[in-house]
Amino acid sequence: MLGKFGILVAILVLVLIFFIVISLGAGAFSKKDLKPETKKYLKSVKILLSIIAIVGAILVLFL
């Protein structure tokens, strides 16, 4: 089984993959300029994924 460190790494890798997939879907890596709505959406996604990563880290390290 994975130890605490392995679980933490798995959580962080999943969060990174989610961010990449959502950014690709929103067109963040295209050469076109992004609409203000898309920029706002991606900022919200970054905040949400950061919260998920922080909560996951706290749960893994302290429980």
C-alpha atoms as a PDB file:
ATOM      1  CA  MET A   1       0.000   0.000   0.000  1.00  0.00           C
ATOM      2  CA  LEU A   2       0.974   3.582  -0.431  1.00  0.00           C
ATOM      3  CA  GLY A   3       2.240   5.502   2.524  1.00  0.00           C
ATOM      4  CA  LYS A   4       1.232   9.041   3.390  1.00  0.00           C
ATOM      5  CA  PHE A   5       3.802  10.504   1.036  1.00  0.00           C
ATOM      6  CA  GLY A   6       2.584   8.352  -1.867  1.00  0.00           C
ATOM      7  CA  ILE A   7      -1.014   9.399  -1.279  1.00  0.00           C
ATOM      8  CA  LEU A   8       0.012  13.066  -1.158  1.00  0.00           C
ATOM      9  CA  VAL A   9       1.908  12.723  -4.434  1.00  0.00           C
ATOM     10  CA  ALA A  10      -1.083  10.983  -6.032  1.00  0.00           C
ATOM     11  CA  ILE A  11      -3.429  13.784  -4.934  1.00  0.00           C
ATOM     12  CA  LEU A  12      -1.109  16.475  -6.283  1.00  0.00           C
ATOM     13  CA  VAL A  13      -0.622  14.649  -9.595  1.00  0.00           C
ATOM     14  CA  LEU A  14      -4.394  14.283 -10.027  1.00  0.00           C
ATOM     15  CA  VAL A  15      -4.905  17.984  -9.303  1.00  0.00           C
ATOM     16  CA  LEU A  16      -2.251  18.855 -11.889  1.00  0.00           C
ATOM     17  CA  ILE A  17      -3.872  16.574 -14.475  1.00  0.00           C
ATOM     18  CA  PHE A  18      -7.299  18.107 -13.786  1.00  0.00           C
ATOM     19  CA  PHE A  19      -5.832  21.588 -14.282  1.00  0.00           C
ATOM     20  CA  ILE A  20      -4.187  20.659 -17.574  1.00  0.00           C
ATOM     21  CA  VAL A  21      -7.336  19.016 -18.932  1.00  0.00           C
ATOM     22  CA  ILE A  22      -9.574  21.926 -17.922  1.00  0.00           C
ATOM     23  CA  SER A  23      -7.112  24.448 -19.366  1.00  0.00           C
ATOM     24  CA  LEU A  24      -6.951  22.544 -22.653  1.00  0.00           C
ATOM     25  CA  GLY A  25     -10.749  22.462 -22.800  1.00  0.00           C
ATOM     26  CA  ALA A  26     -10.960  26.189 -22.162  1.00  0.00           C
ATOM     27  CA  GLY A  27      -8.356  26.932 -24.834  1.00  0.00           C
ATOM     28  CA  ALA A  28      -5.742  28.375 -22.518  1.00  0.00           C
ATOM     29  CA  PHE A  29      -2.871  26.880 -24.500  1.00  0.00           C
ATOM     30  CA  SER A  30      -4.057  28.098 -27.888  1.00  0.00           C
ATOM     31  CA  LYS A  31      -2.437  31.070 -29.596  1.00  0.00           C
ATOM     32  CA  LYS A  32      -5.682  33.035 -29.679  1.00  0.00           C
ATOM     33  CA  ASP A  33      -6.423  35.655 -27.059  1.00  0.00           C
ATOM     34  CA  LEU A  34      -8.698  34.490 -24.272  1.00  0.00           C
ATOM     35  CA  LYS A  35     -12.003  36.151 -23.528  1.00  0.00           C
ATOM     36  CA  PRO A  36     -12.316  37.835 -20.128  1.00  0.00           C
ATOM     37  CA  GLU A  37     -14.930  35.254 -19.121  1.00  0.00           C
ATOM     38  CA  THR A  38     -12.501  32.432 -19.854  1.00  0.00           C
ATOM     39  CA  LYS A  39      -9.745  34.114 -17.843  1.00  0.00           C
ATOM     40  CA  LYS A  40     -12.126  34.520 -14.917  1.00  0.00           C
ATOM     41  CA  TYR A  41     -13.168  30.857 -15.233  1.00  0.00           C
ATOM     42  CA  LEU A  42      -9.566  29.644 -15.238  1.00  0.00           C
ATOM     43  CA  LYS A  43      -8.780  31.804 -12.208  1.00  0.00           C
ATOM     44  CA  SER A  44     -11.693  30.213 -10.365  1.00  0.00           C
ATOM     45  CA  VAL A  45     -10.474  26.755 -11.382  1.00  0.00           C
ATOM     46  CA  LYS A  46      -6.990  27.543 -10.065  1.00  0.00           C
ATOM     47  CA  ILE A  47      -8.436  28.672  -6.745  1.00  0.00           C
ATOM     48  CA  LEU A  48     -10.637  25.569  -6.453  1.00  0.00           C
ATOM     49  CA  LEU A  49      -7.820  23.167  -7.298  1.00  0.00           C
ATOM     50  CA  SER A  50      -5.505  24.970  -4.860  1.00  0.00           C
ATOM     51  CA  ILE A  51      -8.059  24.519  -2.085  1.00  0.00           C
ATOM     52  CA  ILE A  52      -8.415  20.826  -2.965  1.00  0.00           C
ATOM     53  CA  ALA A  53      -4.631  20.367  -2.885  1.00  0.00           C
ATOM     54  CA  ILE A  54      -4.287  22.169   0.456  1.00  0.00           C
ATOM     55  CA  VAL A  55      -7.126  20.220   2.082  1.00  0.00           C
ATOM     56  CA  GLY A  56      -5.714  16.967   0.714  1.00  0.00           C
ATOM     57  CA  ALA A  57      -2.269  17.789   2.074  1.00  0.00           C
ATOM     58  CA  ILE A  58      -3.685  18.659   5.495  1.00  0.00           C
ATOM     59  CA  LEU A  59      -5.711  15.438   5.625  1.00  0.00           C
ATOM     60  CA  VAL A  60      -2.772  13.266   4.569  1.00  0.00           C
ATOM     61  CA  LEU A  61      -0.222  14.891   6.871  1.00  0.00           C
ATOM     62  CA  PHE A  62      -2.315  15.227  10.011  1.00  0.00           C
ATOM     63  CA  LEU A  63      -4.534  12.125   9.970  1.00  0.00           C
END
